[in-house]
Amino acid sequence: MRRAVFQRSRAALVAGLLCRSAVAAPTDAAPTDAAPTAAPAEVVAASPTPESDRDAEALVVEAIRLRREGDEPAALRVLERARGLAPDSTRVLVHLASVHQSLGNWVAAEAFLVEVLARRADGYVERNQALLQDALSVVQAHLAELVVTGSPAGAAVRVDGRPVGVLPLAAALRVPVGVHVIDLEADGHWPLARSIELGARERRTESLSLQRRPEPEATRGAVASDDSGLPVLTWVLAGAAATAAVAGGVAWAIREDHAQTWNSDECLPFGTTRERVCADERDAARRYEAVAVGSAVAAVALAGGAVLSAWLAAPEAEASAGLDGCGITAGGLACHGRF
């Protein structure tokens, strides 16, 4: 617990130092040379600052005000507008890194800090090299690297429900520390889901291979089935039910982690409120709880469908049984008829 509190305090300290340095940084406009004294009649005018840069600077000032009021999401939206006006502004990039760090968007914070540190000739970067490197180190302590390999080529890869590309992936994935779910799908193959947990600065390679679905036989009046005699639909529903159950379990585990953080002492420092410090933890717990409940309901419904599909395919069911109807109840899937 002490280590977690120290890491969070260090991250907050570096974010504050970054913000303070960015506020004090000069604008990106280069200074102009003074007019030569040998030609007093000649007027040398300074190059005017582009209007887009002035507008971006005004947005940065607005974002600073929002951050002081504790509205980090609104500040992020304002800074994204500023970046659209001045994409080459180091000042804007530093503020974006700081806001993403405060919001726990570690992957985005790392990307902006790496882009800033690559500008070695920039005056602000030269003056704050050590501070920026320290900020990058804090951010990278919350990240891990995931390499996904496997087959078949062209299979769609998702991490935590977000599409990240198709096999073979071009590069390793930067992901936050914690539990993640990898999904792999391809036409003509059974889908696959795997849950993994990654530690700080860990690099993990996960290899996933999909099994090809059997080709349905072209028979009249028959339901496609595998060697066990069960319809392919039964296996599809059973696999989907298992995937939903795994996803629900993972989502609930993540929800418990956020809930534990929300209820811990680190979210209630002296002189402030739990809502002010860890509102994002509470919101994340609620989101993952909804995902877990929805996945559980889906798993029950899909499992019921698999059982029903297998029962309807049984030979004796054609002569002696009849199904009148089915419906979803509080306990799951309920059917009635002659059994």
Protein backbone atom coordinates (compact mmCIF):
# COMPACT_ATOMS: atom_id res chain seq x y z
CA MET A 1 0.00 0.00 0.00
CA ARG A 2 2.82 2.42 0.88
CA ARG A 3 4.44 1.73 -2.49
CA ALA A 4 1.17 2.43 -4.34
CA VAL A 5 0.68 5.68 -2.44
CA PHE A 6 4.29 6.70 -3.18
CA GLN A 7 3.92 6.02 -6.91
CA ARG A 8 0.66 7.96 -7.09
CA SER A 9 2.17 10.87 -5.14
CA ARG A 10 5.25 10.89 -7.36
CA ALA A 11 3.10 10.87 -10.49
CA ALA A 12 1.04 13.76 -9.15
CA LEU A 13 4.20 15.69 -8.23
CA VAL A 14 5.75 15.29 -11.68
CA ALA A 15 2.43 16.22 -13.34
CA GLY A 16 2.34 19.38 -11.23
CA LEU A 17 5.93 20.28 -12.08
CA LEU A 18 5.25 19.72 -15.76
CA CYS A 19 2.21 21.96 -15.62
CA ARG A 20 4.11 24.69 -13.76
CA SER A 21 7.01 24.57 -16.21
CA ALA A 22 4.66 24.68 -19.19
CA VAL A 23 2.86 27.69 -17.75
CA ALA A 24 6.16 29.51 -17.38
CA ALA A 25 7.45 28.49 -20.82
CA PRO A 26 7.65 31.21 -23.44
CA THR A 27 5.55 31.11 -26.54
CA ASP A 28 6.87 29.38 -29.64
CA ALA A 29 7.41 32.60 -31.58
CA ALA A 30 11.10 33.35 -32.14
CA PRO A 31 12.45 36.72 -30.97
CA THR A 32 13.27 39.27 -33.64
CA ASP A 33 16.52 41.20 -33.97
CA ALA A 34 16.65 44.88 -33.06
CA ALA A 35 16.78 47.49 -35.82
CA PRO A 36 20.34 48.56 -36.77
CA THR A 37 21.37 51.99 -35.41
CA ALA A 38 23.13 52.91 -38.67
CA ALA A 39 19.80 53.44 -40.47
CA PRO A 40 17.47 55.41 -38.15
CA ALA A 41 15.07 56.27 -40.95
CA GLU A 42 14.49 52.60 -41.71
CA VAL A 43 11.73 50.93 -39.69
CA VAL A 44 12.24 47.25 -38.92
CA ALA A 45 8.99 45.58 -37.91
CA ALA A 46 8.84 42.39 -35.87
CA SER A 47 7.21 39.45 -37.59
CA PRO A 48 3.65 39.22 -36.27
CA THR A 49 2.62 36.12 -34.37
CA PRO A 50 0.26 34.03 -36.54
CA GLU A 51 -3.36 34.28 -35.53
CA SER A 52 -3.58 30.48 -35.09
CA ASP A 53 -0.74 30.61 -32.53
CA ARG A 54 -2.46 33.42 -30.59
CA ASP A 55 -5.71 31.42 -30.58
CA ALA A 56 -3.86 28.29 -29.41
CA GLU A 57 -2.22 30.28 -26.60
CA ALA A 58 -5.62 31.53 -25.47
CA LEU A 59 -6.87 27.94 -25.38
CA VAL A 60 -3.85 26.87 -23.31
CA VAL A 61 -4.63 29.60 -20.78
CA GLU A 62 -8.25 28.39 -20.67
CA ALA A 63 -7.07 24.79 -20.13
CA ILE A 64 -4.86 25.91 -17.22
CA ARG A 65 -7.86 27.59 -15.61
CA LEU A 66 -9.96 24.42 -16.00
CA ARG A 67 -7.23 22.29 -14.48
CA ARG A 68 -6.99 24.58 -11.46
CA GLU A 69 -10.74 24.06 -11.03
CA GLY A 70 -10.24 20.29 -11.18
CA ASP A 71 -11.98 19.75 -14.53
CA GLU A 72 -9.31 17.67 -16.30
CA PRO A 73 -11.62 16.17 -19.01
CA ALA A 74 -12.73 19.66 -20.11
CA ALA A 75 -9.10 20.84 -20.11
CA LEU A 76 -8.19 17.90 -22.35
CA ARG A 77 -10.85 18.85 -24.89
CA VAL A 78 -9.61 22.44 -24.95
CA LEU A 79 -5.99 21.34 -25.42
CA GLU A 80 -6.96 19.06 -28.31
CA ARG A 81 -8.45 22.12 -30.00
CA ALA A 82 -5.22 24.02 -29.32
CA ARG A 83 -3.19 21.24 -30.90
CA GLY A 84 -5.34 21.45 -34.01
CA LEU A 85 -4.43 25.14 -34.30
CA ALA A 86 -0.73 24.76 -33.40
CA PRO A 87 0.34 21.13 -33.98
CA ASP A 88 4.04 22.00 -33.65
CA SER A 89 3.74 23.81 -30.30
CA THR A 90 5.92 22.18 -27.64
CA ARG A 91 3.95 24.07 -24.97
CA VAL A 92 0.68 22.44 -26.10
CA LEU A 93 2.26 18.97 -26.22
CA VAL A 94 3.63 19.28 -22.68
CA HIS A 95 0.22 20.29 -21.35
CA LEU A 96 -1.40 17.36 -23.21
CA ALA A 97 1.10 14.95 -21.64
CA SER A 98 0.41 16.36 -18.19
CA VAL A 99 -3.39 16.14 -18.55
CA HIS A 100 -3.28 12.58 -19.89
CA GLN A 101 -0.99 11.62 -17.00
CA SER A 102 -3.44 13.11 -14.48
CA LEU A 103 -6.31 11.21 -16.10
CA GLY A 104 -4.38 7.92 -16.04
CA ASN A 105 -4.15 7.74 -19.84
CA TRP A 106 -0.62 6.38 -19.62
CA VAL A 107 -0.20 5.32 -23.25
CA ALA A 108 -1.17 8.76 -24.56
CA ALA A 109 0.98 10.52 -21.93
CA GLU A 110 4.01 8.47 -22.96
CA ALA A 111 3.46 9.23 -26.65
CA PHE A 112 3.36 12.99 -26.06
CA LEU A 113 6.42 12.97 -23.78
CA VAL A 114 8.43 10.94 -26.29
CA GLU A 115 7.47 13.42 -29.03
CA VAL A 116 8.51 16.36 -26.84
CA LEU A 117 11.86 14.81 -25.83
CA ALA A 118 12.66 14.15 -29.50
CA ARG A 119 12.83 17.96 -29.99
CA ARG A 120 16.34 18.28 -28.57
CA ALA A 121 16.96 21.67 -30.17
CA ASP A 122 13.87 23.22 -28.58
CA GLY A 123 14.76 25.75 -25.86
CA TYR A 124 12.11 24.52 -23.43
CA VAL A 125 13.21 20.90 -23.86
CA GLU A 126 16.86 21.84 -23.26
CA ARG A 127 16.01 23.69 -20.03
CA ASN A 128 13.72 20.95 -18.68
CA GLN A 129 15.42 17.80 -19.98
CA ALA A 130 15.76 16.18 -16.54
CA LEU A 131 12.19 17.00 -15.53
CA LEU A 132 10.76 15.59 -18.76
CA GLN A 133 12.83 12.42 -18.43
CA ASP A 134 11.60 11.99 -14.86
CA ALA A 135 8.00 12.42 -16.02
CA LEU A 136 8.54 9.82 -18.74
CA SER A 137 9.97 7.38 -16.20
CA VAL A 138 6.92 7.81 -13.94
CA VAL A 139 4.55 7.22 -16.86
CA GLN A 140 6.44 4.15 -18.10
CA ALA A 141 6.22 2.62 -14.62
CA HIS A 142 2.47 2.28 -15.34
CA LEU A 143 2.92 0.61 -18.73
CA ALA A 144 3.76 -2.82 -20.13
CA GLU A 145 4.43 -4.20 -23.60
CA LEU A 146 2.32 -6.90 -25.24
CA VAL A 147 3.33 -8.87 -28.33
CA VAL A 148 0.51 -10.88 -29.96
CA THR A 149 1.42 -13.63 -32.41
CA GLY A 150 -0.42 -16.62 -33.83
CA SER A 151 -2.53 -17.79 -36.72
CA PRO A 152 -4.23 -17.57 -39.12
CA ALA A 153 -2.81 -14.53 -40.88
CA GLY A 154 -5.45 -11.82 -41.21
CA ALA A 155 -7.21 -12.72 -37.96
CA ALA A 156 -8.66 -9.65 -36.22
CA VAL A 157 -7.08 -8.83 -32.84
CA ARG A 158 -8.84 -6.88 -30.07
CA VAL A 159 -7.48 -5.94 -26.66
CA ASP A 160 -10.13 -5.09 -24.04
CA GLY A 161 -12.67 -4.81 -26.86
CA ARG A 162 -10.58 -2.29 -28.84
CA PRO A 163 -9.43 -3.32 -32.35
CA VAL A 164 -5.63 -3.15 -32.59
CA GLY A 165 -5.03 -4.71 -36.03
CA VAL A 166 -4.77 -8.08 -37.75
CA LEU A 167 -2.18 -10.86 -37.55
CA PRO A 168 0.69 -10.48 -37.94
CA LEU A 169 0.77 -7.25 -35.94
CA ALA A 170 3.38 -4.76 -37.10
CA ALA A 171 4.66 -3.88 -33.61
CA ALA A 172 4.29 -4.56 -29.91
CA LEU A 173 1.38 -2.94 -28.09
CA ARG A 174 1.82 -0.49 -25.21
CA VAL A 175 -0.84 -1.23 -22.58
CA PRO A 176 -1.47 -0.11 -18.99
CA VAL A 177 -0.43 -2.37 -16.13
CA GLY A 178 -3.20 -4.75 -15.05
CA VAL A 179 -5.59 -7.36 -16.45
CA HIS A 180 -6.39 -7.42 -20.17
CA VAL A 181 -8.50 -9.62 -22.46
CA ILE A 182 -7.20 -10.55 -25.92
CA ASP A 183 -9.80 -11.59 -28.51
CA LEU A 184 -8.95 -13.26 -31.82
CA GLU A 185 -11.47 -13.82 -34.63
CA ALA A 186 -11.27 -14.99 -38.25
CA ASP A 187 -13.79 -16.22 -40.80
CA GLY A 188 -14.16 -19.98 -40.79
CA HIS A 189 -12.53 -20.38 -37.34
CA TRP A 190 -13.73 -20.63 -33.76
CA PRO A 191 -13.18 -17.33 -31.86
CA LEU A 192 -10.74 -17.30 -28.95
CA ALA A 193 -10.42 -15.10 -25.85
CA ARG A 194 -7.56 -15.06 -23.35
CA SER A 195 -7.13 -13.10 -20.12
CA ILE A 196 -3.64 -11.99 -19.02
CA GLU A 197 -2.18 -9.80 -16.27
CA LEU A 198 0.86 -7.61 -16.94
CA GLY A 199 3.19 -5.96 -14.44
CA ALA A 200 5.10 -2.69 -14.63
CA ARG A 201 7.58 -2.53 -17.54
CA GLU A 202 6.86 -6.21 -18.34
CA ARG A 203 7.14 -7.47 -21.92
CA ARG A 204 4.90 -10.46 -22.68
CA THR A 205 4.46 -12.49 -25.87
CA GLU A 206 1.11 -14.26 -26.28
CA SER A 207 0.63 -16.77 -29.11
CA LEU A 208 -2.94 -17.62 -30.08
CA SER A 209 -4.01 -20.05 -32.80
CA LEU A 210 -7.59 -20.44 -33.95
CA GLN A 211 -9.14 -23.81 -34.77
CA ARG A 212 -10.86 -24.10 -38.13
CA ARG A 213 -14.58 -24.81 -38.09
CA PRO A 214 -15.68 -28.05 -39.80
CA GLU A 215 -17.28 -27.65 -43.20
CA PRO A 216 -21.05 -28.38 -43.10
CA GLU A 217 -22.17 -31.44 -45.04
CA ALA A 218 -24.57 -30.88 -47.93
CA THR A 219 -27.40 -33.17 -46.76
CA ARG A 220 -31.11 -32.59 -47.21
CA GLY A 221 -33.24 -32.06 -44.13
CA ALA A 222 -30.27 -32.55 -41.79
CA VAL A 223 -28.68 -30.09 -39.37
CA ALA A 224 -24.88 -29.64 -39.76
CA SER A 225 -23.09 -31.40 -36.90
CA ASP A 226 -19.64 -32.59 -35.88
CA ASP A 227 -18.45 -36.12 -35.01
CA SER A 228 -20.23 -36.00 -31.66
CA GLY A 229 -23.60 -35.67 -33.40
CA LEU A 230 -24.26 -32.22 -31.96
CA PRO A 231 -25.17 -29.37 -34.33
CA VAL A 232 -22.49 -26.81 -35.13
CA LEU A 233 -24.87 -24.17 -33.76
CA THR A 234 -24.69 -25.86 -30.35
CA TRP A 235 -20.91 -25.51 -30.26
CA VAL A 236 -21.06 -21.92 -31.48
CA LEU A 237 -23.51 -20.99 -28.72
CA ALA A 238 -21.50 -22.89 -26.10
CA GLY A 239 -18.27 -21.18 -27.18
CA ALA A 240 -19.92 -17.77 -27.13
CA ALA A 241 -21.33 -18.51 -23.65
CA ALA A 242 -17.87 -19.47 -22.39
CA THR A 243 -16.34 -16.32 -23.89
CA ALA A 244 -19.04 -14.16 -22.28
CA ALA A 245 -18.48 -15.87 -18.93
CA VAL A 246 -14.70 -15.28 -19.10
CA ALA A 247 -15.20 -11.65 -20.12
CA GLY A 248 -17.65 -11.17 -17.25
CA GLY A 249 -15.21 -12.67 -14.76
CA VAL A 250 -12.37 -10.47 -15.98
CA ALA A 251 -14.59 -7.36 -15.92
CA TRP A 252 -15.66 -8.15 -12.34
CA ALA A 253 -12.03 -8.61 -11.26
CA ILE A 254 -11.13 -5.23 -12.75
CA ARG A 255 -14.19 -3.71 -11.06
CA GLU A 256 -13.03 -5.07 -7.69
CA ASP A 257 -9.58 -3.55 -8.22
CA HIS A 258 -11.03 -0.09 -8.92
CA ALA A 259 -13.46 -0.43 -6.01
CA GLN A 260 -10.62 -1.34 -3.65
CA THR A 261 -8.66 1.72 -4.76
CA TRP A 262 -11.76 3.95 -4.31
CA ASN A 263 -12.23 2.67 -0.74
CA SER A 264 -8.54 2.87 0.19
CA ASP A 265 -6.86 5.59 2.24
CA GLU A 266 -4.89 6.87 -0.77
CA CYS A 267 -8.14 8.27 -2.21
CA LEU A 268 -8.85 10.25 0.95
CA PRO A 269 -5.79 12.39 1.69
CA PHE A 270 -5.99 15.07 4.34
CA GLY A 271 -7.75 18.25 3.33
CA THR A 272 -9.78 16.96 0.34
CA THR A 273 -12.54 14.55 -0.61
CA ARG A 274 -12.61 11.09 -2.08
CA GLU A 275 -14.75 12.40 -4.95
CA ARG A 276 -12.16 15.02 -5.88
CA VAL A 277 -9.17 12.65 -5.83
CA CYS A 278 -10.51 9.34 -7.17
CA ALA A 279 -13.72 10.02 -9.09
CA ASP A 280 -12.22 8.22 -12.08
CA GLU A 281 -11.75 5.06 -9.96
CA ARG A 282 -15.41 5.09 -8.94
CA ASP A 283 -16.61 5.64 -12.51
CA ALA A 284 -14.37 2.86 -13.81
CA ALA A 285 -15.72 0.45 -11.17
CA ARG A 286 -19.29 1.23 -12.26
CA ARG A 287 -18.46 0.72 -15.94
CA TYR A 288 -16.81 -2.64 -15.39
CA GLU A 289 -19.65 -3.73 -13.10
CA ALA A 290 -22.14 -3.06 -15.90
CA VAL A 291 -19.95 -5.04 -18.32
CA ALA A 292 -19.70 -7.94 -15.87
CA VAL A 293 -23.47 -8.09 -15.30
CA GLY A 294 -24.20 -7.84 -19.02
CA SER A 295 -21.69 -10.59 -19.80
CA ALA A 296 -23.20 -12.85 -17.13
CA VAL A 297 -26.70 -12.39 -18.56
CA ALA A 298 -25.40 -13.07 -22.07
CA ALA A 299 -23.55 -16.19 -20.87
CA VAL A 300 -26.73 -17.59 -19.28
CA ALA A 301 -28.82 -16.89 -22.38
CA LEU A 302 -26.22 -18.37 -24.76
CA ALA A 303 -25.77 -21.46 -22.58
CA GLY A 304 -29.53 -21.96 -22.56
CA GLY A 305 -29.57 -21.64 -26.33
CA ALA A 306 -26.81 -24.25 -26.64
CA VAL A 307 -28.74 -26.71 -24.45
CA LEU A 308 -31.93 -26.07 -26.42
CA SER A 309 -30.12 -26.55 -29.75
CA ALA A 310 -28.67 -29.88 -28.61
CA TRP A 311 -32.06 -31.05 -27.33
CA LEU A 312 -33.88 -30.16 -30.53
CA ALA A 313 -31.27 -32.07 -32.56
CA ALA A 314 -31.85 -35.31 -30.61
CA PRO A 315 -33.66 -37.97 -32.77
CA GLU A 316 -36.26 -38.75 -30.12
CA ALA A 317 -37.23 -35.11 -29.90
CA GLU A 318 -38.83 -35.21 -33.37
CA ALA A 319 -41.37 -37.87 -32.44
CA SER A 320 -42.20 -37.32 -28.79
CA ALA A 321 -41.46 -33.73 -27.93
CA GLY A 322 -42.78 -30.36 -28.90
CA LEU A 323 -41.66 -26.85 -28.04
CA ASP A 324 -44.35 -24.24 -27.52
CA GLY A 325 -42.15 -21.23 -26.73
CA CYS A 326 -39.24 -19.74 -24.79
CA GLY A 327 -38.60 -16.52 -22.90
CA ILE A 328 -35.98 -14.80 -20.74
CA THR A 329 -36.82 -14.63 -17.02
CA ALA A 330 -34.97 -13.41 -13.95
CA GLY A 331 -33.41 -16.87 -13.63
CA GLY A 332 -32.24 -17.13 -17.23
CA LEU A 333 -33.84 -18.82 -20.30
CA ALA A 334 -37.22 -20.55 -19.66
CA CYS A 335 -39.00 -22.79 -22.21
CA HIS A 336 -42.35 -24.57 -22.11
CA GLY A 337 -43.86 -27.40 -24.12
CA ARG A 338 -43.95 -31.24 -24.24
CA PHE A 339 -40.72 -32.67 -22.85
